[in-house]
Amino acid sequence: MTETLNTRSNGFHASHFLADNLQRVLVDLVALHLYGKQAHWNIVGKNFRDLHLQLDELVDVAREHSDTIAERMRALGVLPDAGPKTVASQSTLTDFGTGEVDTADAVDRITGLIGEAATTVRAVHDDVDKEDPTTADLLHAVLHDLEKQAWLIRSENR
């Protein structure tokens, strides 16, 4: 369970349920950021440079959205936790793996991971929206950008 702050503010305060849903999104976005860098460093093969640069774009998107979600959690009185041990134990993303990876295989793996992260966002969206439509709007932006990145990266294999 995600820890919440015992604050007495006049603003909206997240329930434990909302906090836990945002924590799920946070750890998957951080994991996606890390796997994006893992792929970025270890790809080899055809269209290396294009994919290398595209993976940095994905990393930026995942990092920016994880920061937005964590800051929203703080605004709602929740303590986000995206430390390495927490991300490793809580993320639902499949492991990208280690070692060199051919660009075509990397495209398939990374777009699979993007899809898994988007699935987490979709899984929590309706419950988040019931409690806090403003936070649900942030999730819309996350989905938009993840799905755009998946399309751009997946196009490398066409």
N, C-alpha and C. Protein backbone atom coordinates (compact mmCIF):
# COMPACT_ATOMS: atom_id res chain seq x y z
N MET A 1 0.84 -1.17 0.00
CA MET A 1 0.00 0.00 0.00
C MET A 1 0.89 1.24 0.00
N THR A 2 0.51 2.23 -0.77
CA THR A 2 1.25 3.47 -0.86
C THR A 2 0.96 4.32 0.37
N GLU A 3 2.00 4.93 0.91
CA GLU A 3 1.86 5.76 2.09
C GLU A 3 1.26 7.11 1.72
N THR A 4 0.35 7.59 2.54
CA THR A 4 -0.21 8.92 2.35
C THR A 4 0.20 9.79 3.53
N LEU A 5 0.22 11.07 3.29
CA LEU A 5 0.60 12.02 4.31
C LEU A 5 -0.60 12.34 5.18
N ASN A 6 -0.36 12.55 6.44
CA ASN A 6 -1.42 12.97 7.35
C ASN A 6 -1.43 14.49 7.36
N THR A 7 -2.09 15.05 6.37
CA THR A 7 -2.13 16.50 6.24
C THR A 7 -3.55 17.00 6.43
N ARG A 8 -3.64 18.22 6.86
CA ARG A 8 -4.95 18.85 7.04
C ARG A 8 -5.01 20.05 6.10
N SER A 9 -5.23 19.76 4.84
CA SER A 9 -5.32 20.83 3.86
C SER A 9 -6.78 20.99 3.46
N ASN A 10 -7.07 22.09 2.85
CA ASN A 10 -8.42 22.34 2.37
C ASN A 10 -8.67 21.70 1.02
N GLY A 11 -7.62 21.18 0.39
CA GLY A 11 -7.73 20.60 -0.93
C GLY A 11 -8.15 19.13 -0.89
N PHE A 12 -8.25 18.57 -2.08
CA PHE A 12 -8.60 17.16 -2.24
C PHE A 12 -7.45 16.29 -1.74
N HIS A 13 -7.78 15.21 -1.07
CA HIS A 13 -6.78 14.28 -0.56
C HIS A 13 -7.11 12.90 -1.12
N ALA A 14 -6.14 12.26 -1.72
CA ALA A 14 -6.34 10.96 -2.37
C ALA A 14 -6.67 9.88 -1.34
N SER A 15 -7.58 9.00 -1.72
CA SER A 15 -7.83 7.80 -0.94
C SER A 15 -6.64 6.85 -1.13
N HIS A 16 -6.58 5.83 -0.29
CA HIS A 16 -5.54 4.82 -0.47
C HIS A 16 -5.69 4.11 -1.82
N PHE A 17 -6.93 3.95 -2.25
CA PHE A 17 -7.20 3.30 -3.53
C PHE A 17 -6.63 4.11 -4.69
N LEU A 18 -6.89 5.42 -4.68
CA LEU A 18 -6.34 6.30 -5.72
C LEU A 18 -4.82 6.31 -5.64
N ALA A 19 -4.29 6.40 -4.43
CA ALA A 19 -2.83 6.41 -4.26
C ALA A 19 -2.20 5.14 -4.82
N ASP A 20 -2.80 4.00 -4.53
CA ASP A 20 -2.26 2.74 -5.03
C ASP A 20 -2.32 2.65 -6.55
N ASN A 21 -3.39 3.16 -7.15
CA ASN A 21 -3.49 3.16 -8.61
C ASN A 21 -2.42 4.05 -9.24
N LEU A 22 -2.19 5.21 -8.66
CA LEU A 22 -1.14 6.09 -9.21
C LEU A 22 0.24 5.49 -9.00
N GLN A 23 0.44 4.80 -7.90
CA GLN A 23 1.72 4.12 -7.67
C GLN A 23 1.96 3.07 -8.74
N ARG A 24 0.93 2.35 -9.13
CA ARG A 24 1.06 1.34 -10.20
C ARG A 24 1.55 1.98 -11.50
N VAL A 25 0.95 3.12 -11.84
CA VAL A 25 1.33 3.82 -13.07
C VAL A 25 2.77 4.32 -12.94
N LEU A 26 3.09 4.89 -11.79
CA LEU A 26 4.42 5.44 -11.57
C LEU A 26 5.52 4.40 -11.77
N VAL A 27 5.39 3.26 -11.11
CA VAL A 27 6.48 2.27 -11.21
C VAL A 27 6.60 1.70 -12.62
N ASP A 28 5.49 1.57 -13.34
CA ASP A 28 5.60 1.07 -14.71
C ASP A 28 6.23 2.11 -15.63
N LEU A 29 5.96 3.39 -15.41
CA LEU A 29 6.60 4.42 -16.22
C LEU A 29 8.10 4.49 -15.94
N VAL A 30 8.49 4.36 -14.68
CA VAL A 30 9.91 4.37 -14.34
C VAL A 30 10.60 3.15 -14.95
N ALA A 31 9.96 2.00 -14.86
CA ALA A 31 10.53 0.79 -15.47
C ALA A 31 10.66 0.96 -16.98
N LEU A 32 9.65 1.54 -17.62
CA LEU A 32 9.72 1.77 -19.07
C LEU A 32 10.88 2.69 -19.41
N HIS A 33 11.08 3.72 -18.62
CA HIS A 33 12.22 4.64 -18.80
C HIS A 33 13.53 3.86 -18.75
N LEU A 34 13.68 3.00 -17.75
CA LEU A 34 14.92 2.23 -17.60
C LEU A 34 15.11 1.22 -18.73
N TYR A 35 14.05 0.54 -19.12
CA TYR A 35 14.16 -0.42 -20.22
C TYR A 35 14.44 0.30 -21.54
N GLY A 36 13.89 1.49 -21.70
CA GLY A 36 14.19 2.27 -22.90
C GLY A 36 15.68 2.58 -23.00
N LYS A 37 16.29 2.93 -21.86
CA LYS A 37 17.73 3.19 -21.87
C LYS A 37 18.51 1.90 -22.09
N GLN A 38 18.06 0.79 -21.49
CA GLN A 38 18.72 -0.50 -21.70
C GLN A 38 18.75 -0.83 -23.20
N ALA A 39 17.61 -0.65 -23.85
CA ALA A 39 17.54 -0.90 -25.30
C ALA A 39 18.45 0.08 -26.05
N HIS A 40 18.37 1.34 -25.70
CA HIS A 40 19.15 2.40 -26.35
C HIS A 40 20.65 2.08 -26.35
N TRP A 41 21.13 1.56 -25.24
CA TRP A 41 22.56 1.28 -25.12
C TRP A 41 22.98 0.01 -25.84
N ASN A 42 22.07 -0.93 -26.03
CA ASN A 42 22.47 -2.27 -26.46
C ASN A 42 21.94 -2.72 -27.81
N ILE A 43 21.29 -1.82 -28.56
CA ILE A 43 20.82 -2.23 -29.88
C ILE A 43 21.97 -2.24 -30.88
N VAL A 44 21.84 -3.12 -31.84
CA VAL A 44 22.78 -3.20 -32.96
C VAL A 44 21.99 -3.57 -34.21
N GLY A 45 22.50 -3.17 -35.36
CA GLY A 45 21.87 -3.63 -36.59
C GLY A 45 21.32 -2.51 -37.45
N LYS A 46 20.48 -2.93 -38.39
CA LYS A 46 19.89 -2.04 -39.39
C LYS A 46 19.10 -0.92 -38.71
N ASN A 47 19.24 0.29 -39.22
CA ASN A 47 18.56 1.47 -38.70
C ASN A 47 18.94 1.79 -37.25
N PHE A 48 20.17 1.42 -36.89
CA PHE A 48 20.64 1.64 -35.53
C PHE A 48 20.43 3.09 -35.08
N ARG A 49 20.95 4.02 -35.85
CA ARG A 49 20.92 5.42 -35.41
C ARG A 49 19.50 5.93 -35.22
N ASP A 50 18.62 5.65 -36.16
CA ASP A 50 17.24 6.11 -36.03
C ASP A 50 16.57 5.56 -34.77
N LEU A 51 16.74 4.27 -34.54
CA LEU A 51 16.12 3.66 -33.37
C LEU A 51 16.79 4.15 -32.09
N HIS A 52 18.09 4.29 -32.12
CA HIS A 52 18.84 4.81 -30.97
C HIS A 52 18.26 6.16 -30.54
N LEU A 53 18.04 7.05 -31.50
CA LEU A 53 17.48 8.37 -31.20
C LEU A 53 16.01 8.28 -30.77
N GLN A 54 15.25 7.42 -31.43
CA GLN A 54 13.83 7.26 -31.08
C GLN A 54 13.68 6.73 -29.66
N LEU A 55 14.56 5.85 -29.25
CA LEU A 55 14.49 5.32 -27.88
C LEU A 55 14.74 6.42 -26.86
N ASP A 56 15.61 7.37 -27.18
CA ASP A 56 15.79 8.51 -26.27
C ASP A 56 14.51 9.33 -26.15
N GLU A 57 13.76 9.45 -27.23
CA GLU A 57 12.48 10.15 -27.16
C GLU A 57 11.52 9.40 -26.23
N LEU A 58 11.48 8.09 -26.35
CA LEU A 58 10.63 7.29 -25.46
C LEU A 58 11.06 7.48 -24.01
N VAL A 59 12.34 7.44 -23.76
CA VAL A 59 12.86 7.62 -22.40
C VAL A 59 12.42 8.97 -21.85
N ASP A 60 12.51 10.01 -22.66
CA ASP A 60 12.09 11.34 -22.22
C ASP A 60 10.59 11.37 -21.89
N VAL A 61 9.79 10.75 -22.73
CA VAL A 61 8.34 10.71 -22.50
C VAL A 61 8.03 9.97 -21.19
N ALA A 62 8.62 8.81 -21.00
CA ALA A 62 8.37 8.02 -19.79
C ALA A 62 8.85 8.77 -18.55
N ARG A 63 10.00 9.39 -18.63
CA ARG A 63 10.54 10.13 -17.49
C ARG A 63 9.66 11.33 -17.15
N GLU A 64 9.28 12.09 -18.17
CA GLU A 64 8.44 13.27 -17.93
C GLU A 64 7.09 12.89 -17.33
N HIS A 65 6.49 11.83 -17.85
CA HIS A 65 5.19 11.43 -17.30
C HIS A 65 5.32 10.83 -15.91
N SER A 66 6.41 10.13 -15.63
CA SER A 66 6.58 9.61 -14.27
C SER A 66 6.73 10.77 -13.29
N ASP A 67 7.42 11.81 -13.69
CA ASP A 67 7.57 12.99 -12.84
C ASP A 67 6.22 13.67 -12.61
N THR A 68 5.43 13.79 -13.67
CA THR A 68 4.10 14.40 -13.54
C THR A 68 3.22 13.60 -12.59
N ILE A 69 3.23 12.28 -12.74
CA ILE A 69 2.41 11.42 -11.87
C ILE A 69 2.90 11.53 -10.42
N ALA A 70 4.20 11.48 -10.20
CA ALA A 70 4.74 11.59 -8.84
C ALA A 70 4.40 12.95 -8.22
N GLU A 71 4.50 14.01 -9.00
CA GLU A 71 4.16 15.33 -8.48
C GLU A 71 2.67 15.45 -8.19
N ARG A 72 1.83 14.81 -9.01
CA ARG A 72 0.40 14.80 -8.74
C ARG A 72 0.12 14.04 -7.44
N MET A 73 0.82 12.94 -7.23
CA MET A 73 0.67 12.19 -6.00
C MET A 73 0.99 13.07 -4.80
N ARG A 74 2.08 13.81 -4.87
CA ARG A 74 2.43 14.72 -3.78
C ARG A 74 1.36 15.78 -3.57
N ALA A 75 0.82 16.31 -4.67
CA ALA A 75 -0.22 17.32 -4.55
C ALA A 75 -1.46 16.77 -3.86
N LEU A 76 -1.67 15.47 -3.97
CA LEU A 76 -2.83 14.82 -3.36
C LEU A 76 -2.51 14.21 -2.00
N GLY A 77 -1.35 14.53 -1.45
CA GLY A 77 -0.98 14.05 -0.13
C GLY A 77 -0.45 12.63 -0.10
N VAL A 78 0.08 12.16 -1.21
CA VAL A 78 0.59 10.80 -1.31
C VAL A 78 2.11 10.84 -1.47
N LEU A 79 2.80 9.91 -0.84
CA LEU A 79 4.25 9.80 -1.00
C LEU A 79 4.56 8.79 -2.09
N PRO A 80 5.02 9.25 -3.26
CA PRO A 80 5.39 8.32 -4.33
C PRO A 80 6.66 7.57 -3.97
N ASP A 81 6.76 6.35 -4.45
CA ASP A 81 7.96 5.55 -4.23
C ASP A 81 8.36 4.90 -5.54
N ALA A 82 9.45 5.39 -6.10
CA ALA A 82 9.98 4.81 -7.33
C ALA A 82 11.46 4.47 -7.16
N GLY A 83 11.81 4.08 -5.96
CA GLY A 83 13.17 3.62 -5.71
C GLY A 83 13.41 2.31 -6.46
N PRO A 84 14.68 1.96 -6.69
CA PRO A 84 14.98 0.76 -7.48
C PRO A 84 14.33 -0.51 -6.95
N LYS A 85 14.36 -0.73 -5.64
CA LYS A 85 13.76 -1.94 -5.09
C LYS A 85 12.25 -1.95 -5.30
N THR A 86 11.63 -0.81 -5.14
CA THR A 86 10.18 -0.72 -5.32
C THR A 86 9.81 -0.96 -6.77
N VAL A 87 10.51 -0.31 -7.69
CA VAL A 87 10.22 -0.50 -9.11
C VAL A 87 10.41 -1.96 -9.49
N ALA A 88 11.50 -2.56 -9.01
CA ALA A 88 11.77 -3.97 -9.34
C ALA A 88 10.68 -4.89 -8.79
N SER A 89 10.14 -4.59 -7.63
CA SER A 89 9.16 -5.50 -7.03
C SER A 89 7.73 -5.21 -7.46
N GLN A 90 7.44 -3.97 -7.85
CA GLN A 90 6.04 -3.61 -8.15
C GLN A 90 5.71 -3.48 -9.63
N SER A 91 6.69 -3.25 -10.48
CA SER A 91 6.38 -3.06 -11.89
C SER A 91 5.80 -4.33 -12.50
N THR A 92 4.85 -4.16 -13.39
CA THR A 92 4.23 -5.29 -14.08
C THR A 92 4.85 -5.54 -15.45
N LEU A 93 5.84 -4.73 -15.83
CA LEU A 93 6.43 -4.87 -17.16
C LEU A 93 7.31 -6.10 -17.24
N THR A 94 7.29 -6.74 -18.40
CA THR A 94 8.16 -7.86 -18.70
C THR A 94 9.61 -7.36 -18.76
N ASP A 95 10.54 -8.17 -18.32
CA ASP A 95 11.95 -7.79 -18.36
C ASP A 95 12.42 -7.67 -19.80
N PHE A 96 13.12 -6.59 -20.11
CA PHE A 96 13.64 -6.39 -21.47
C PHE A 96 14.79 -7.35 -21.76
N GLY A 97 15.56 -7.67 -20.76
CA GLY A 97 16.72 -8.55 -20.97
C GLY A 97 18.01 -7.77 -21.01
N THR A 98 19.10 -8.51 -21.16
CA THR A 98 20.43 -7.89 -21.19
C THR A 98 21.15 -8.31 -22.47
N GLY A 99 22.29 -7.72 -22.69
CA GLY A 99 23.11 -8.05 -23.85
C GLY A 99 22.67 -7.30 -25.10
N GLU A 100 23.45 -7.50 -26.16
CA GLU A 100 23.11 -6.86 -27.43
C GLU A 100 21.81 -7.42 -27.96
N VAL A 101 21.07 -6.54 -28.64
CA VAL A 101 19.80 -6.96 -29.22
C VAL A 101 19.67 -6.33 -30.60
N ASP A 102 19.29 -7.14 -31.56
CA ASP A 102 19.08 -6.66 -32.92
C ASP A 102 17.97 -5.62 -32.92
N THR A 103 18.11 -4.62 -33.77
CA THR A 103 17.14 -3.53 -33.78
C THR A 103 15.71 -4.02 -34.02
N ALA A 104 15.52 -4.97 -34.92
CA ALA A 104 14.16 -5.46 -35.19
C ALA A 104 13.57 -6.13 -33.96
N ASP A 105 14.37 -6.91 -33.26
CA ASP A 105 13.90 -7.55 -32.03
C ASP A 105 13.65 -6.51 -30.95
N ALA A 106 14.52 -5.52 -30.86
CA ALA A 106 14.35 -4.45 -29.87
C ALA A 106 13.04 -3.70 -30.10
N VAL A 107 12.71 -3.46 -31.35
CA VAL A 107 11.45 -2.79 -31.66
C VAL A 107 10.28 -3.59 -31.11
N ASP A 108 10.29 -4.89 -31.36
CA ASP A 108 9.19 -5.73 -30.86
C ASP A 108 9.14 -5.75 -29.34
N ARG A 109 10.30 -5.87 -28.72
CA ARG A 109 10.33 -5.92 -27.26
C ARG A 109 9.86 -4.61 -26.63
N ILE A 110 10.39 -3.50 -27.15
CA ILE A 110 10.09 -2.22 -26.52
C ILE A 110 8.65 -1.81 -26.77
N THR A 111 8.13 -2.10 -27.96
CA THR A 111 6.72 -1.76 -28.19
C THR A 111 5.80 -2.65 -27.35
N GLY A 112 6.24 -3.87 -27.08
CA GLY A 112 5.50 -4.71 -26.14
C GLY A 112 5.46 -4.10 -24.74
N LEU A 113 6.59 -3.57 -24.31
CA LEU A 113 6.66 -2.93 -23.00
C LEU A 113 5.81 -1.66 -22.94
N ILE A 114 5.83 -0.90 -24.02
CA ILE A 114 4.98 0.30 -24.07
C ILE A 114 3.51 -0.13 -23.94
N GLY A 115 3.14 -1.19 -24.65
CA GLY A 115 1.78 -1.70 -24.56
C GLY A 115 1.42 -2.14 -23.15
N GLU A 116 2.36 -2.77 -22.46
CA GLU A 116 2.11 -3.20 -21.08
C GLU A 116 1.92 -1.99 -20.16
N ALA A 117 2.73 -0.96 -20.34
CA ALA A 117 2.57 0.26 -19.53
C ALA A 117 1.22 0.92 -19.82
N ALA A 118 0.85 0.96 -21.09
CA ALA A 118 -0.46 1.54 -21.46
C ALA A 118 -1.59 0.72 -20.86
N THR A 119 -1.43 -0.59 -20.81
CA THR A 119 -2.45 -1.45 -20.21
C THR A 119 -2.64 -1.11 -18.72
N THR A 120 -1.56 -0.85 -18.03
CA THR A 120 -1.67 -0.45 -16.62
C THR A 120 -2.45 0.85 -16.50
N VAL A 121 -2.13 1.82 -17.34
CA VAL A 121 -2.84 3.10 -17.30
C VAL A 121 -4.32 2.89 -17.58
N ARG A 122 -4.64 2.10 -18.59
CA ARG A 122 -6.05 1.83 -18.92
C ARG A 122 -6.75 1.08 -17.78
N ALA A 123 -6.04 0.19 -17.12
CA ALA A 123 -6.65 -0.61 -16.05
C ALA A 123 -7.07 0.25 -14.86
N VAL A 124 -6.33 1.31 -14.58
CA VAL A 124 -6.65 2.15 -13.43
C VAL A 124 -7.50 3.36 -13.80
N HIS A 125 -7.59 3.68 -15.08
CA HIS A 125 -8.21 4.93 -15.51
C HIS A 125 -9.62 5.15 -14.97
N ASP A 126 -10.51 4.20 -15.15
CA ASP A 126 -11.91 4.43 -14.78
C ASP A 126 -12.06 4.64 -13.28
N ASP A 127 -11.33 3.89 -12.49
CA ASP A 127 -11.39 4.08 -11.04
C ASP A 127 -10.80 5.43 -10.64
N VAL A 128 -9.71 5.83 -11.28
CA VAL A 128 -9.12 7.14 -11.01
C VAL A 128 -10.11 8.23 -11.39
N ASP A 129 -10.75 8.08 -12.54
CA ASP A 129 -11.70 9.08 -13.02
C ASP A 129 -12.88 9.26 -12.06
N LYS A 130 -13.34 8.18 -11.46
CA LYS A 130 -14.46 8.27 -10.52
C LYS A 130 -14.09 9.12 -9.30
N GLU A 131 -12.86 9.00 -8.86
CA GLU A 131 -12.44 9.73 -7.67
C GLU A 131 -11.86 11.10 -7.98
N ASP A 132 -11.15 11.20 -9.11
CA ASP A 132 -10.44 12.45 -9.40
C ASP A 132 -10.29 12.66 -10.91
N PRO A 133 -11.27 13.29 -11.54
CA PRO A 133 -11.20 13.52 -12.99
C PRO A 133 -9.97 14.31 -13.43
N THR A 134 -9.46 15.17 -12.59
CA THR A 134 -8.27 15.93 -12.96
C THR A 134 -7.07 15.01 -13.17
N THR A 135 -6.91 14.05 -12.27
CA THR A 135 -5.82 13.10 -12.42
C THR A 135 -6.06 12.19 -13.63
N ALA A 136 -7.33 11.86 -13.88
CA ALA A 136 -7.64 11.05 -15.07
C ALA A 136 -7.21 11.77 -16.34
N ASP A 137 -7.32 13.10 -16.35
CA ASP A 137 -6.85 13.86 -17.51
C ASP A 137 -5.36 13.67 -17.72
N LEU A 138 -4.60 13.58 -16.65
CA LEU A 138 -3.16 13.32 -16.78
C LEU A 138 -2.92 11.95 -17.39
N LEU A 139 -3.74 10.99 -17.00
CA LEU A 139 -3.60 9.64 -17.56
C LEU A 139 -3.90 9.63 -19.06
N HIS A 140 -4.84 10.48 -19.50
CA HIS A 140 -5.11 10.60 -20.94
C HIS A 140 -3.85 11.03 -21.69
N ALA A 141 -3.14 11.99 -21.13
CA ALA A 141 -1.90 12.46 -21.78
C ALA A 141 -0.85 11.36 -21.81
N VAL A 142 -0.76 10.59 -20.74
CA VAL A 142 0.19 9.48 -20.70
C VAL A 142 -0.14 8.49 -21.81
N LEU A 143 -1.41 8.10 -21.91
CA LEU A 143 -1.81 7.15 -22.95
C LEU A 143 -1.53 7.69 -24.35
N HIS A 144 -1.88 8.94 -24.57
CA HIS A 144 -1.65 9.55 -25.88
C HIS A 144 -0.18 9.44 -26.28
N ASP A 145 0.69 9.81 -25.36
CA ASP A 145 2.12 9.84 -25.68
C ASP A 145 2.72 8.43 -25.79
N LEU A 146 2.28 7.51 -24.93
CA LEU A 146 2.79 6.14 -25.03
C LEU A 146 2.37 5.50 -26.35
N GLU A 147 1.11 5.67 -26.71
CA GLU A 147 0.64 5.06 -27.95
C GLU A 147 1.28 5.70 -29.18
N LYS A 148 1.58 6.98 -29.10
CA LYS A 148 2.30 7.63 -30.20
C LYS A 148 3.71 7.07 -30.31
N GLN A 149 4.39 6.90 -29.18
CA GLN A 149 5.74 6.34 -29.20
C GLN A 149 5.72 4.91 -29.75
N ALA A 150 4.74 4.13 -29.37
CA ALA A 150 4.65 2.75 -29.89
C ALA A 150 4.50 2.76 -31.40
N TRP A 151 3.67 3.64 -31.92
CA TRP A 151 3.47 3.74 -33.37
C TRP A 151 4.78 4.14 -34.05
N LEU A 152 5.46 5.16 -33.53
CA LEU A 152 6.70 5.62 -34.15
C LEU A 152 7.77 4.52 -34.14
N ILE A 153 7.91 3.86 -33.03
CA ILE A 153 8.95 2.82 -32.93
C ILE A 153 8.56 1.59 -33.74
N ARG A 154 7.31 1.18 -33.65
CA ARG A 154 6.84 0.00 -34.41
C ARG A 154 7.03 0.20 -35.92
N SER A 155 6.95 1.44 -36.37
CA SER A 155 7.12 1.74 -37.80
C SER A 155 8.52 1.44 -38.30
N GLU A 156 9.48 1.31 -37.42
CA GLU A 156 10.85 0.96 -37.81
C GLU A 156 10.90 -0.42 -38.48
N ASN A 157 9.97 -1.30 -38.11
CA ASN A 157 9.97 -2.67 -38.66
C ASN A 157 9.08 -2.83 -39.89
N ARG A 158 8.53 -1.78 -40.41
CA ARG A 158 7.65 -1.88 -41.57
C ARG A 158 8.45 -1.88 -42.85
